[in-house]
Protein backbone atom coordinates (compact mmCIF):
# COMPACT_ATOMS: atom_id res chain seq x y z
CA MET A 1 -66.61 18.57 -6.71
CA ALA A 2 -65.32 15.08 -7.47
CA PHE A 3 -67.40 12.09 -6.40
CA LEU A 4 -64.31 10.17 -5.23
CA GLU A 5 -61.27 12.12 -4.09
CA LEU A 6 -57.89 11.02 -2.76
CA SER A 7 -55.67 13.86 -1.54
CA HIS A 8 -51.94 13.43 -0.81
CA VAL A 9 -52.44 9.83 0.30
CA GLU A 10 -49.47 7.82 1.56
CA LYS A 11 -49.29 4.25 2.82
CA SER A 12 -46.46 2.20 4.31
CA TYR A 13 -46.18 -1.25 5.84
CA GLY A 14 -44.07 -1.80 8.93
CA LYS A 15 -42.71 0.74 11.38
CA GLY A 16 -39.57 2.73 11.99
CA ALA A 17 -36.46 1.84 10.01
CA LYS A 18 -38.16 -1.28 8.65
CA ALA A 19 -41.11 0.64 7.18
CA PHE A 20 -41.73 -0.03 3.48
CA GLN A 21 -43.26 2.87 1.57
CA VAL A 22 -45.86 1.49 -0.86
CA LEU A 23 -47.74 4.57 -2.06
CA THR A 24 -46.73 8.21 -1.90
CA ASP A 25 -48.56 11.46 -2.72
CA ILE A 26 -51.56 9.79 -4.38
CA ASN A 27 -53.99 12.38 -5.78
CA LEU A 28 -57.03 11.09 -7.63
CA GLN A 29 -60.40 12.54 -8.57
CA VAL A 30 -63.20 10.44 -10.10
CA ASN A 31 -66.52 11.89 -11.27
CA LYS A 32 -69.86 10.21 -10.70
CA GLY A 33 -70.65 7.63 -13.38
CA GLU A 34 -67.08 7.64 -14.68
CA PHE A 35 -65.11 4.49 -15.51
CA VAL A 36 -61.47 4.98 -14.48
CA ALA A 37 -58.69 2.41 -14.93
CA ILE A 38 -55.49 2.39 -12.87
CA VAL A 39 -52.76 0.56 -14.79
CA GLY A 40 -49.50 -0.51 -13.19
CA TYR A 41 -46.91 -3.16 -12.54
CA SER A 42 -47.54 -6.19 -10.34
CA GLY A 43 -46.45 -5.37 -6.80
CA ALA A 44 -46.63 -1.61 -7.36
CA GLY A 45 -49.43 -1.10 -4.80
CA LYS A 46 -52.60 -1.32 -6.89
CA THR A 47 -54.39 -3.60 -4.41
CA THR A 48 -53.30 -1.32 -1.55
CA LEU A 49 -54.88 1.58 -3.42
CA ILE A 50 -58.18 -0.31 -3.83
CA SER A 51 -58.07 -1.30 -0.14
CA LEU A 52 -57.70 2.35 0.84
CA ILE A 53 -60.73 3.35 -1.24
CA SER A 54 -62.80 0.46 0.08
CA GLY A 55 -61.92 1.31 3.69
CA LEU A 56 -60.11 -1.96 4.37
CA LEU A 57 -56.95 0.07 5.01
CA LYS A 58 -56.40 3.54 6.43
CA PRO A 59 -53.87 5.94 4.91
CA ASP A 60 -50.85 7.02 6.94
CA LYS A 61 -51.25 10.51 5.51
CA GLY A 62 -53.87 12.27 3.41
CA THR A 63 -57.59 11.69 3.03
CA VAL A 64 -59.92 9.48 1.00
CA LYS A 65 -63.42 10.88 0.45
CA LEU A 66 -66.51 9.55 -1.29
CA ASN A 67 -69.32 12.01 -1.95
CA ASP A 68 -67.49 14.51 0.30
CA LEU A 69 -67.49 12.09 3.27
CA GLU A 70 -64.18 10.73 4.55
CA ILE A 71 -63.82 6.94 4.27
CA VAL A 72 -62.79 5.46 7.60
CA GLU A 73 -64.14 1.90 7.34
CA PRO A 74 -65.71 -0.53 4.83
CA GLY A 75 -69.32 0.13 3.83
CA PRO A 76 -72.03 -1.09 1.43
CA ASP A 77 -71.64 2.08 -0.64
CA ARG A 78 -68.37 0.54 -1.95
CA ALA A 79 -68.44 -2.94 -3.49
CA VAL A 80 -65.25 -4.79 -4.39
CA VAL A 81 -64.82 -7.45 -7.07
CA PHE A 82 -61.69 -9.37 -6.11
CA GLN A 83 -59.34 -11.35 -8.31
CA ASN A 84 -59.95 -14.60 -6.37
CA TYR A 85 -63.80 -14.46 -6.52
CA SER A 86 -64.21 -14.69 -2.68
CA LEU A 87 -67.33 -16.89 -2.89
CA LEU A 88 -68.58 -19.08 -0.05
CA PRO A 89 -68.01 -22.62 -1.39
CA TRP A 90 -70.90 -24.23 0.51
CA MET A 91 -73.45 -21.80 -0.95
CA SER A 92 -75.07 -21.82 -4.37
CA VAL A 93 -74.88 -18.98 -6.88
CA TYR A 94 -78.24 -17.68 -5.65
CA GLU A 95 -77.26 -17.96 -1.97
CA ASN A 96 -73.94 -16.12 -2.48
CA VAL A 97 -75.70 -13.18 -4.11
CA TYR A 98 -78.71 -13.27 -1.76
CA LEU A 99 -76.43 -13.10 1.30
CA ALA A 100 -75.12 -9.70 0.20
CA VAL A 101 -78.63 -8.45 -0.64
CA ASP A 102 -79.93 -9.60 2.73
CA GLN A 103 -77.15 -7.78 4.59
CA VAL A 104 -77.52 -4.49 2.72
CA PHE A 105 -81.31 -4.30 2.39
CA LYS A 106 -82.43 -5.57 5.78
CA ASN A 107 -85.81 -3.81 5.64
CA TRP A 108 -86.90 -5.34 2.35
CA THR A 109 -89.43 -8.15 2.24
CA ALA A 110 -88.20 -11.65 1.46
CA VAL A 111 -90.05 -11.56 -1.87
CA LYS A 112 -88.35 -8.32 -2.92
CA LYS A 113 -84.92 -9.64 -1.90
CA LYS A 114 -85.49 -12.82 -3.91
CA GLN A 115 -86.56 -10.91 -7.01
CA HIS A 116 -83.65 -8.49 -6.71
CA THR A 117 -81.19 -11.39 -6.40
CA ASP A 118 -82.64 -13.18 -9.43
CA ASP A 119 -82.53 -9.97 -11.48
CA TYR A 120 -78.78 -9.59 -11.00
CA ILE A 121 -78.07 -13.26 -11.59
CA LYS A 122 -79.94 -12.85 -14.86
CA MET A 123 -77.94 -9.71 -15.66
CA VAL A 124 -74.70 -11.74 -15.70
CA ASN A 125 -76.34 -14.60 -17.66
CA LEU A 126 -76.20 -17.18 -14.87
CA SER A 127 -79.88 -18.03 -14.40
CA ALA A 128 -79.26 -21.58 -15.64
CA ALA A 129 -76.55 -22.04 -12.98
CA ARG A 130 -78.59 -20.46 -10.19
CA ASP A 131 -78.46 -23.50 -7.88
CA LYS A 132 -74.90 -24.63 -8.57
CA LYS A 133 -72.05 -24.39 -6.08
CA PRO A 134 -68.82 -22.51 -6.95
CA SER A 135 -66.96 -25.82 -7.39
CA GLU A 136 -69.33 -26.65 -10.25
CA LEU A 137 -68.58 -23.42 -12.10
CA SER A 138 -65.78 -22.33 -14.40
CA GLY A 139 -63.49 -19.45 -13.44
CA GLY A 140 -65.39 -17.07 -15.68
CA MET A 141 -68.74 -18.08 -14.18
CA ARG A 142 -67.41 -17.61 -10.65
CA GLN A 143 -66.28 -14.13 -11.52
CA ARG A 144 -69.74 -13.39 -12.90
CA VAL A 145 -71.21 -14.42 -9.55
CA SER A 146 -68.79 -12.08 -7.80
CA LEU A 147 -69.80 -9.27 -10.17
CA ALA A 148 -73.53 -9.97 -9.67
CA ARG A 149 -73.07 -9.94 -5.89
CA ALA A 150 -71.27 -6.60 -6.01
CA LEU A 151 -73.82 -4.96 -8.31
CA ALA A 152 -76.77 -6.35 -6.35
CA MET A 153 -75.61 -4.30 -3.36
CA ASP A 154 -76.37 -1.19 -5.45
CA PRO A 155 -73.12 0.50 -4.37
CA GLN A 156 -72.25 4.10 -5.10
CA ILE A 157 -68.93 2.95 -6.52
CA LEU A 158 -67.69 -0.39 -7.87
CA LEU A 159 -64.05 -1.28 -7.20
CA MET A 160 -62.52 -4.00 -9.38
CA ASP A 161 -59.14 -5.41 -8.33
CA GLU A 162 -57.74 -7.18 -11.41
CA PRO A 163 -60.95 -9.25 -11.64
CA LEU A 164 -60.05 -10.95 -14.94
CA SER A 165 -56.31 -11.58 -14.58
CA ALA A 166 -56.70 -15.25 -13.58
CA LEU A 167 -58.86 -16.14 -16.60
CA ASP A 168 -57.90 -17.52 -19.99
CA ALA A 169 -57.79 -15.09 -22.92
CA LEU A 170 -61.15 -16.09 -24.47
CA THR A 171 -63.08 -15.99 -21.18
CA ARG A 172 -61.40 -12.72 -20.30
CA ALA A 173 -62.47 -11.13 -23.59
CA ASN A 174 -66.08 -12.29 -23.12
CA LEU A 175 -66.24 -10.90 -19.59
CA GLN A 176 -64.69 -7.60 -20.69
CA ASP A 177 -67.57 -7.22 -23.14
CA GLU A 178 -70.12 -8.07 -20.43
CA ILE A 179 -68.60 -5.62 -17.94
CA GLU A 180 -68.70 -2.84 -20.54
CA LYS A 181 -72.32 -3.67 -21.37
CA ILE A 182 -73.38 -3.78 -17.70
CA TRP A 183 -71.61 -0.48 -17.01
CA ARG A 184 -73.44 1.23 -19.88
CA GLU A 185 -76.76 -0.04 -18.48
CA ALA A 186 -76.14 0.63 -14.78
CA ARG A 187 -73.85 3.67 -15.10
CA LYS A 188 -72.08 2.95 -11.85
CA THR A 189 -68.90 4.77 -10.93
CA VAL A 190 -66.11 2.25 -11.51
CA VAL A 191 -62.44 2.12 -10.56
CA LEU A 192 -60.69 -0.76 -12.31
CA ILE A 193 -57.25 -1.96 -11.28
CA THR A 194 -55.43 -3.80 -14.04
CA ASN A 195 -51.98 -4.50 -15.50
CA ASP A 196 -53.42 -4.86 -19.02
CA VAL A 197 -53.24 -1.61 -21.01
CA ASP A 198 -55.52 -2.95 -23.77
CA GLU A 199 -58.17 -3.92 -21.22
CA ALA A 200 -58.06 -0.40 -19.79
CA ILE A 201 -58.46 1.16 -23.24
CA LEU A 202 -61.39 -1.13 -24.05
CA LEU A 203 -63.31 -0.36 -20.85
CA ALA A 204 -62.33 2.99 -19.36
CA ASP A 205 -63.13 6.65 -19.94
CA ARG A 206 -59.79 7.61 -18.45
CA ILE A 207 -56.54 5.75 -17.73
CA ILE A 208 -54.11 6.70 -14.98
CA PRO A 209 -50.79 4.82 -14.84
CA LEU A 210 -49.22 3.91 -11.50
CA SER A 211 -45.44 3.97 -11.31
CA ALA A 212 -43.43 1.00 -10.11
CA GLY A 213 -42.77 0.70 -6.41
CA PRO A 214 -41.55 1.33 -3.85
CA SER A 215 -43.14 4.73 -3.22
CA ALA A 216 -45.42 4.35 -6.24
CA THR A 217 -47.39 7.36 -7.37
CA LEU A 218 -49.90 8.16 -10.10
CA GLY A 219 -48.72 9.46 -13.44
CA PRO A 220 -50.46 11.79 -15.92
CA GLU A 221 -53.99 10.79 -16.92
CA VAL A 222 -54.78 9.69 -20.45
CA MET A 223 -58.29 10.25 -21.80
CA VAL A 224 -59.79 7.44 -23.90
CA THR A 225 -61.47 9.24 -26.78
CA ILE A 226 -62.60 6.12 -28.69
CA GLU A 227 -66.39 6.01 -29.08
CA ARG A 228 -68.48 3.34 -27.34
CA PRO A 229 -69.36 0.57 -27.80
CA ARG A 230 -65.78 -0.37 -28.60
CA ASN A 231 -64.88 -3.23 -30.89
CA ARG A 232 -61.46 -4.68 -30.08
CA LYS A 233 -60.80 -5.70 -33.70
CA GLN A 234 -61.64 -2.29 -35.14
CA MET A 235 -59.95 -0.53 -32.23
CA ASN A 236 -56.55 -1.99 -33.17
CA HIS A 237 -56.65 0.03 -36.40
CA ASP A 238 -57.80 3.26 -34.76
CA PRO A 239 -55.05 5.92 -34.63
CA ASN A 240 -56.49 7.13 -31.30
CA TYR A 241 -55.90 3.66 -29.85
CA LYS A 242 -52.25 3.70 -30.85
CA GLU A 243 -51.77 7.19 -29.44
CA ILE A 244 -53.48 6.33 -26.12
CA ARG A 245 -51.55 3.08 -25.75
CA GLY A 246 -48.31 4.86 -26.56
CA LYS A 247 -48.85 7.51 -23.88
CA VAL A 248 -49.61 4.96 -21.16
CA LEU A 249 -46.68 2.71 -22.07
CA SER A 250 -44.37 5.71 -22.41
CA PHE A 251 -44.91 6.53 -18.74
CA LEU A 252 -44.82 2.92 -17.51
CA LEU A 253 -41.63 2.08 -19.39
CA GLY A 254 -40.04 5.48 -18.93
CA GLU A 255 -40.60 7.82 -16.00
CA GLY A 256 -42.77 5.31 -14.13
CA ALA A 257 -40.42 2.35 -14.52
CA LYS A 258 -38.60 0.94 -11.54
CA LYS A 259 -35.31 2.68 -11.01
CA ARG A 260 -32.36 0.35 -10.53
CA GLN A 261 -30.29 0.86 -7.45
CA PHE A 262 -26.77 -0.44 -6.98
CA VAL A 263 -25.45 -1.12 -3.50
CA THR A 264 -21.81 -1.89 -2.69
CA ARG A 265 -21.34 -4.27 0.21
CA ARG A 266 -18.22 -5.74 1.77
CA LEU A 267 -18.55 -9.44 2.38
CA SER A 268 -16.43 -11.18 5.02
CA LEU A 269 -16.06 -14.86 4.24
CA PRO A 270 -15.22 -17.36 7.01
CA ASP A 271 -11.62 -18.60 7.13
CA ILE A 272 -12.66 -22.25 6.92
CA GLU A 273 -11.76 -25.17 4.69
CA PRO A 274 -14.88 -27.27 4.05
CA GLU A 275 -15.29 -30.83 5.17
CA ASP A 276 -14.01 -33.48 2.77
CA ILE A 277 -17.25 -34.98 1.47
CA SER A 278 -15.44 -37.81 -0.28
CA GLN A 279 -15.51 -39.73 3.01
CA GLY A 280 -17.08 -43.12 2.55
CA MET A 281 -16.89 -43.03 -1.23
CA PRO A 282 -15.22 -45.95 -3.03
CA GLY A 283 -11.50 -45.33 -3.58
CA PHE A 284 -11.30 -42.56 -0.97
CA SER A 285 -10.12 -42.90 2.62
CA SER A 286 -10.05 -39.25 3.73
CA ASN A 287 -11.58 -38.49 7.09
CA ARG A 288 -10.95 -34.74 7.27
CA GLN A 289 -13.47 -32.50 9.05
CA ALA A 290 -13.99 -28.80 8.37
CA ARG A 291 -11.12 -26.68 9.72
CA ARG A 292 -9.77 -23.16 9.72
CA LYS A 293 -6.91 -22.39 7.37
CA LYS A 294 -4.84 -21.01 10.27
CA GLU A 295 -4.99 -24.45 11.84
CA ILE A 296 -3.23 -26.01 8.84
CA LYS A 297 0.46 -26.70 9.47
CA GLU A 298 2.94 -28.00 6.95
CA GLU A 299 5.04 -30.96 8.17
CA VAL A 300 7.83 -32.90 6.54
CA VAL A 301 7.51 -36.60 7.23
CA GLU A 302 10.23 -39.09 6.34
CA ILE A 303 9.02 -42.50 5.31
CA ASP A 304 10.82 -45.67 4.31
CA SER A 305 10.63 -46.40 0.62
């Protein structure tokens, strides 16, 4: 039995004729301790998919189950690392992480909560910035705080919604290495949402492409057979890497690409001559307002020469 299971899930926004189908017939199974990456286009519905798993949204059809229990609302067994960090700006690094620990582990002693918080801040190498506010941190450091907060909740599954997409290339590469290292140590079940195929290959056990919307659906899974720990420089020369990347891109650019639709419409233009905007300009004396062409009448005027 899969640890996380989505069966025939569909989700739309709006109602009736104005309803917009985002996801259709989503079927996904994730095993405990597995690192799965969902790769797709921007706007395809990746964040909607994460929101359904986290319980922030409910599916219109189908079921979402974690450990054989249907997900109907958010819970501490699912932690989300968002793209925009979602840190409280008036709190320090320690306070942002401690707040989550305090909410999840209400029966712990204050000493145990403090130690637990410090342990996870240390895990993401932010002990030196423990007392700094988010405004005093770089984007990469803020995302580390968000990651520490999520892991400190000791969730059953970690959901990552394009957590590195807003970072520069060097910071992104460093955090990718840290995420992979933390995952190997903690062995949490992880679902990563990303639009970066190389990032998915570097981090995941399995990659599942998501077709372009509307009515996006999951494509065929691609197993990542490259041994861990993975070195991005060596990986570029690995024939398995090229084969895996080719399979994912083949779906995204082929069957999963957005289908173009052509619509023929009849446009009725108004029967109006525009106003003469030369009014008031040097050398022009016209004072004509906008008028319908049917109102125009030709007249012959005789003038003395």
